Amino acid sequence: VDEESIGIVMSMGFSRSHALRALSLTNNNVEAAVDWALNTPEDCSVLNALVQSLPKSSTT
C-alpha cells in the first residue's frame, strides 16, 4: 500500500487505519477502497468512546 493512496482515502474523512485496511483488502485500488470504507463501519469502540465522552443532557 503506497502513501499517496492512503492520503487520498484519508482526505475523504477516513482514519489512517481504516484507509490502510481498505487499501490492503482491495489490492491498493483507491476507488474500490473508498467503496469498501463507505460500506464498512470503522471500529465501534472509537464511536462508543466518543459517545461516552459527550456531556449528558438533562431533559426533565
N, C-alpha and C. Protein backbone atom coordinates (compact mmCIF):
# COMPACT_ATOMS: atom_id res chain seq x y z
N VAL A 1 0.86 -1.18 0.00
CA VAL A 1 0.00 0.00 0.00
C VAL A 1 0.90 1.23 0.00
N ASP A 2 0.65 2.15 -0.94
CA ASP A 2 1.52 3.32 -1.00
C ASP A 2 0.91 4.52 -0.27
N GLU A 3 1.78 5.41 0.17
CA GLU A 3 1.36 6.56 0.97
C GLU A 3 0.41 7.49 0.22
N GLU A 4 0.60 7.63 -1.08
CA GLU A 4 -0.28 8.51 -1.86
C GLU A 4 -1.72 8.01 -1.80
N SER A 5 -1.90 6.71 -1.96
CA SER A 5 -3.25 6.13 -1.90
C SER A 5 -3.85 6.30 -0.51
N ILE A 6 -3.04 6.09 0.52
CA ILE A 6 -3.51 6.29 1.89
C ILE A 6 -3.99 7.73 2.07
N GLY A 7 -3.20 8.67 1.58
CA GLY A 7 -3.56 10.08 1.69
C GLY A 7 -4.86 10.41 0.98
N ILE A 8 -5.07 9.82 -0.18
CA ILE A 8 -6.30 10.06 -0.93
C ILE A 8 -7.51 9.58 -0.14
N VAL A 9 -7.43 8.36 0.37
CA VAL A 9 -8.55 7.80 1.13
C VAL A 9 -8.76 8.59 2.42
N MET A 10 -7.68 8.95 3.11
CA MET A 10 -7.80 9.73 4.34
C MET A 10 -8.39 11.11 4.08
N SER A 11 -8.12 11.68 2.91
CA SER A 11 -8.65 13.01 2.60
C SER A 11 -10.17 13.00 2.46
N MET A 12 -10.73 11.82 2.35
CA MET A 12 -12.18 11.68 2.26
C MET A 12 -12.81 11.45 3.62
N GLY A 13 -12.00 11.60 4.67
CA GLY A 13 -12.54 11.56 6.02
C GLY A 13 -12.34 10.26 6.77
N PHE A 14 -11.61 9.33 6.21
CA PHE A 14 -11.39 8.05 6.88
C PHE A 14 -10.09 8.10 7.67
N SER A 15 -10.05 7.34 8.76
CA SER A 15 -8.84 7.27 9.57
C SER A 15 -7.76 6.52 8.80
N ARG A 16 -6.52 6.70 9.24
CA ARG A 16 -5.40 6.02 8.59
C ARG A 16 -5.57 4.50 8.65
N SER A 17 -5.98 3.99 9.80
CA SER A 17 -6.12 2.53 9.94
C SER A 17 -7.23 1.99 9.04
N HIS A 18 -8.32 2.75 8.92
CA HIS A 18 -9.43 2.31 8.06
C HIS A 18 -8.98 2.36 6.59
N ALA A 19 -8.25 3.41 6.24
CA ALA A 19 -7.73 3.54 4.87
C ALA A 19 -6.77 2.40 4.54
N LEU A 20 -5.88 2.10 5.47
CA LEU A 20 -4.92 1.01 5.27
C LEU A 20 -5.63 -0.33 5.07
N ARG A 21 -6.61 -0.59 5.91
CA ARG A 21 -7.34 -1.86 5.80
C ARG A 21 -8.06 -1.94 4.46
N ALA A 22 -8.73 -0.85 4.10
CA ALA A 22 -9.48 -0.83 2.84
C ALA A 22 -8.56 -1.04 1.65
N LEU A 23 -7.43 -0.36 1.64
CA LEU A 23 -6.50 -0.49 0.52
C LEU A 23 -5.86 -1.87 0.49
N SER A 24 -5.57 -2.43 1.64
CA SER A 24 -4.99 -3.77 1.70
C SER A 24 -5.96 -4.81 1.13
N LEU A 25 -7.24 -4.65 1.48
CA LEU A 25 -8.25 -5.62 1.02
C LEU A 25 -8.61 -5.46 -0.45
N THR A 26 -8.30 -4.30 -1.03
CA THR A 26 -8.68 -4.05 -2.42
C THR A 26 -7.47 -3.94 -3.34
N ASN A 27 -6.35 -4.48 -2.91
CA ASN A 27 -5.13 -4.50 -3.72
C ASN A 27 -4.71 -3.10 -4.15
N ASN A 28 -4.80 -2.14 -3.21
CA ASN A 28 -4.37 -0.76 -3.42
C ASN A 28 -5.20 -0.02 -4.48
N ASN A 29 -6.44 -0.46 -4.69
CA ASN A 29 -7.34 0.20 -5.64
C ASN A 29 -8.13 1.27 -4.87
N VAL A 30 -7.81 2.54 -5.13
CA VAL A 30 -8.40 3.63 -4.35
C VAL A 30 -9.92 3.65 -4.47
N GLU A 31 -10.44 3.51 -5.67
CA GLU A 31 -11.89 3.55 -5.87
C GLU A 31 -12.58 2.43 -5.10
N ALA A 32 -12.05 1.23 -5.21
CA ALA A 32 -12.63 0.09 -4.50
C ALA A 32 -12.47 0.25 -2.99
N ALA A 33 -11.34 0.81 -2.57
CA ALA A 33 -11.09 1.01 -1.14
C ALA A 33 -12.09 2.00 -0.54
N VAL A 34 -12.36 3.09 -1.26
CA VAL A 34 -13.34 4.07 -0.78
C VAL A 34 -14.71 3.43 -0.71
N ASP A 35 -15.07 2.65 -1.71
CA ASP A 35 -16.36 1.97 -1.71
C ASP A 35 -16.45 1.03 -0.51
N TRP A 36 -15.39 0.28 -0.26
CA TRP A 36 -15.37 -0.64 0.88
C TRP A 36 -15.49 0.14 2.19
N ALA A 37 -14.72 1.23 2.31
CA ALA A 37 -14.73 2.01 3.54
C ALA A 37 -16.10 2.64 3.81
N LEU A 38 -16.76 3.07 2.75
CA LEU A 38 -18.10 3.66 2.91
C LEU A 38 -19.11 2.63 3.40
N ASN A 39 -18.91 1.39 3.02
CA ASN A 39 -19.86 0.34 3.36
C ASN A 39 -19.47 -0.50 4.56
N THR A 40 -18.31 -0.20 5.16
CA THR A 40 -17.83 -0.95 6.30
C THR A 40 -17.51 0.02 7.43
N PRO A 41 -18.30 0.00 8.49
CA PRO A 41 -18.06 0.96 9.57
C PRO A 41 -16.72 0.73 10.24
N GLU A 42 -16.15 1.83 10.72
CA GLU A 42 -14.90 1.72 11.46
C GLU A 42 -15.17 1.06 12.81
N ASP A 43 -14.14 0.76 13.51
CA ASP A 43 -14.23 0.11 14.82
C ASP A 43 -15.22 0.84 15.72
N CYS A 44 -16.22 0.14 16.18
CA CYS A 44 -17.26 0.74 17.01
C CYS A 44 -16.72 1.22 18.35
N SER A 45 -15.59 0.72 18.79
CA SER A 45 -15.06 1.15 20.08
C SER A 45 -14.70 2.63 20.04
N VAL A 46 -14.26 3.13 18.90
CA VAL A 46 -13.94 4.55 18.77
C VAL A 46 -15.22 5.37 18.91
N LEU A 47 -16.27 4.94 18.23
CA LEU A 47 -17.55 5.64 18.31
C LEU A 47 -18.11 5.59 19.73
N ASN A 48 -18.03 4.44 20.36
CA ASN A 48 -18.53 4.31 21.73
C ASN A 48 -17.77 5.22 22.69
N ALA A 49 -16.47 5.33 22.51
CA ALA A 49 -15.67 6.21 23.37
C ALA A 49 -16.09 7.67 23.16
N LEU A 50 -16.37 8.04 21.93
CA LEU A 50 -16.81 9.40 21.64
C LEU A 50 -18.15 9.67 22.31
N VAL A 51 -19.08 8.76 22.17
CA VAL A 51 -20.41 8.93 22.77
C VAL A 51 -20.29 9.06 24.29
N GLN A 52 -19.45 8.24 24.89
CA GLN A 52 -19.28 8.29 26.35
C GLN A 52 -18.66 9.61 26.80
N SER A 53 -17.86 10.24 25.94
CA SER A 53 -17.19 11.48 26.33
C SER A 53 -18.09 12.70 26.19
N LEU A 54 -19.20 12.56 25.49
CA LEU A 54 -20.12 13.69 25.31
C LEU A 54 -20.86 13.98 26.61
N PRO A 55 -21.11 15.26 26.88
CA PRO A 55 -21.86 15.59 28.10
C PRO A 55 -23.29 15.07 28.00
N LYS A 56 -23.78 14.59 29.10
CA LYS A 56 -25.15 14.08 29.14
C LYS A 56 -26.11 15.26 29.25
N SER A 57 -27.15 15.26 28.44
CA SER A 57 -28.13 16.34 28.53
C SER A 57 -29.22 15.92 29.50
N SER A 58 -29.66 16.87 30.28
CA SER A 58 -30.73 16.56 31.24
C SER A 58 -32.02 17.21 30.75
N THR A 59 -32.92 16.39 30.27
CA THR A 59 -34.20 16.90 29.79
C THR A 59 -35.28 16.38 30.73
N THR A 60 -35.72 17.25 31.61
CA THR A 60 -36.76 16.85 32.56
C THR A 60 -37.93 17.78 32.50
